[in-house]
Protein backbone atom coordinates (compact mmCIF):
# COMPACT_ATOMS: atom_id res chain seq x y z
CA UNK A 1 -28.17 82.65 -38.56
CA UNK A 2 -28.66 86.49 -38.77
CA UNK A 3 -28.46 87.79 -42.59
CA UNK A 4 -28.13 91.48 -43.16
CA UNK A 5 -29.99 92.19 -46.27
CA UNK A 6 -30.13 95.47 -48.54
CA UNK A 7 -30.93 96.16 -52.08
CA UNK A 8 -33.60 94.04 -54.02
CA UNK A 9 -34.07 91.86 -50.77
CA UNK A 10 -35.41 94.99 -48.68
CA UNK A 11 -38.28 94.35 -51.27
CA UNK A 12 -41.22 92.54 -49.21
CA UNK A 13 -42.68 90.88 -52.52
CA UNK A 14 -39.43 89.60 -53.83
CA UNK A 15 -38.19 88.38 -50.16
CA UNK A 16 -41.45 86.37 -49.99
CA UNK A 17 -41.05 85.23 -53.42
CA UNK A 18 -37.65 84.01 -52.67
CA UNK A 19 -38.06 82.53 -49.22
CA UNK A 20 -41.73 81.23 -49.49
CA UNK A 21 -44.21 80.86 -46.61
CA UNK A 22 -41.30 80.72 -44.08
CA UNK A 23 -40.78 84.29 -44.52
CA UNK A 24 -43.65 85.01 -42.19
CA UNK A 25 -41.99 83.45 -39.05
CA UNK A 26 -38.65 85.46 -39.71
CA UNK A 27 -37.67 88.64 -37.42
CA UNK A 28 -36.78 91.63 -39.43
CA UNK A 29 -34.80 94.24 -37.46
CA UNK A 30 -33.73 97.56 -38.94
CA UNK A 31 -29.83 97.56 -39.13
CA UNK A 32 -27.22 99.73 -40.53
CA UNK A 33 -23.68 98.61 -42.18
CA UNK A 34 -21.10 100.86 -41.82
CA UNK A 35 -18.15 101.21 -44.00
CA UNK A 36 -19.95 100.40 -47.22
CA UNK A 37 -22.36 101.77 -49.76
CA UNK A 38 -24.86 100.60 -52.08
CA UNK A 39 -23.92 101.00 -55.75
CA UNK A 40 -25.48 100.10 -59.26
CA UNK A 41 -24.60 97.36 -61.22
CA UNK A 42 -25.55 96.09 -64.74
CA UNK A 43 -27.57 99.34 -65.48
CA UNK A 44 -29.09 99.77 -62.01
CA UNK A 45 -30.48 96.27 -62.24
CA UNK A 46 -28.48 94.78 -59.23
CA UNK A 47 -27.12 96.43 -56.28
CA UNK A 48 -23.64 95.57 -54.81
CA UNK A 49 -21.84 96.90 -51.46
CA UNK A 50 -18.57 98.77 -52.22
CA UNK A 51 -16.21 99.68 -49.31
CA UNK A 52 -16.29 103.17 -48.31
CA UNK A 53 -15.19 104.19 -45.00
CA UNK A 54 -17.36 107.31 -44.71
CA UNK A 55 -20.61 105.67 -45.92
CA UNK A 56 -23.29 103.42 -44.43
CA UNK A 57 -26.16 101.26 -45.94
CA UNK A 58 -29.44 101.09 -44.10
CA UNK A 59 -30.94 97.54 -44.39
CA UNK A 60 -32.56 94.89 -42.12
CA UNK A 61 -31.45 91.67 -40.33
CA UNK A 62 -33.41 88.74 -40.92
CA UNK A 63 -33.02 86.73 -37.67
CA UNK A 64 -33.33 82.71 -37.07
CA UNK A 65 -32.88 81.91 -40.83
CA UNK A 66 -32.86 78.17 -41.24
CA UNK A 67 -30.45 76.19 -43.84
CA UNK A 68 -33.42 76.24 -46.69
CA UNK A 69 -33.68 79.96 -46.51
CA UNK A 70 -29.87 80.53 -46.71
CA UNK A 71 -29.62 78.08 -49.52
CA UNK A 72 -32.74 80.12 -51.31
CA UNK A 73 -30.84 83.15 -51.03
CA UNK A 74 -27.70 81.96 -52.15
CA UNK A 75 -29.28 80.57 -55.37
CA UNK A 76 -31.15 83.85 -55.59
CA UNK A 77 -27.68 85.72 -55.35
CA UNK A 78 -25.89 83.38 -57.80
CA UNK A 79 -22.31 83.09 -58.45
CA UNK A 80 -22.06 86.91 -58.55
CA UNK A 81 -22.29 87.12 -54.65
CA UNK A 82 -20.68 85.35 -51.82
CA UNK A 83 -21.56 85.38 -48.21
CA UNK A 84 -19.37 86.88 -45.46
CA UNK A 85 -19.82 87.88 -41.73
CA UNK A 86 -19.49 91.53 -40.92
CA UNK A 87 -20.47 93.51 -37.86
CA UNK A 88 -23.76 95.40 -38.25
CA UNK A 89 -25.81 97.70 -36.01
CA UNK A 90 -29.18 96.06 -35.03
CA UNK A 91 -31.75 98.51 -33.96
CA UNK A 92 -32.59 97.49 -30.33
CA UNK A 93 -29.70 95.18 -30.09
CA UNK A 94 -26.53 97.07 -30.97
CA UNK A 95 -23.49 95.67 -32.76
CA UNK A 96 -23.81 92.29 -33.73
CA UNK A 97 -22.18 89.87 -36.40
CA UNK A 98 -24.45 89.00 -39.52
CA UNK A 99 -23.80 87.34 -42.79
CA UNK A 100 -24.18 89.68 -45.89
CA UNK A 101 -23.48 89.42 -49.52
CA UNK A 102 -20.71 90.69 -51.32
CA UNK A 103 -20.15 90.72 -54.88
CA UNK A 104 -17.24 88.66 -56.27
CA UNK A 105 -16.29 91.27 -58.77
CA UNK A 106 -15.25 94.68 -58.14
CA UNK A 107 -18.33 97.14 -58.19
CA UNK A 108 -18.05 100.34 -59.74
CA UNK A 109 -17.69 103.44 -57.79
CA UNK A 110 -20.94 105.23 -59.04
CA UNK A 111 -23.87 105.66 -59.17
CA UNK A 112 -25.79 104.97 -56.19
CA UNK A 113 -28.48 101.95 -56.43
CA UNK A 114 -31.95 103.12 -55.50
CA UNK A 115 -34.60 100.66 -54.16
CA UNK A 116 -37.60 102.89 -55.57
CA UNK A 117 -35.98 103.24 -58.87
CA UNK A 118 -35.55 99.34 -58.91
CA UNK A 119 -39.02 98.61 -57.74
CA UNK A 120 -40.51 100.98 -60.85
CA UNK A 121 -38.22 99.70 -63.53
CA UNK A 122 -37.13 96.24 -62.61
CA UNK A 123 -39.29 94.76 -59.80
CA UNK A 124 -42.03 93.07 -62.17
CA UNK A 125 -39.45 91.26 -64.47
CA UNK A 126 -37.46 90.12 -61.20
CA UNK A 127 -40.63 88.61 -59.53
CA UNK A 128 -41.40 86.70 -62.81
CA UNK A 129 -37.99 85.29 -62.89
CA UNK A 130 -38.10 84.09 -59.16
CA UNK A 131 -41.59 82.64 -59.29
């Protein structure tokens, strides 16, 4: 299965902590999800995708995930998110369907979520919670 990831899952250390040694065999391809933007939830700790026809989210697609990886990702996301399939633009491939995680509750309209800010403020705690 292809999974589009953005937000905290773009952090290689966190991704490795969640997926374990199998992460090394995954193909990561740059991708864009159109019609959404990444907003901050819960004080910037968690990102969420919000529909916005004029926006796009840069992320990557994890190709060839297996069921164990998918279960680990679902456990990480928890019951706040659910996986749905959407078209994404994959670098070197074009438009393709991929799973992605959407929040189960309406995300806020502002502010935008920042990976750099998250890494500085919350990454260490997130890694401790995953390991």
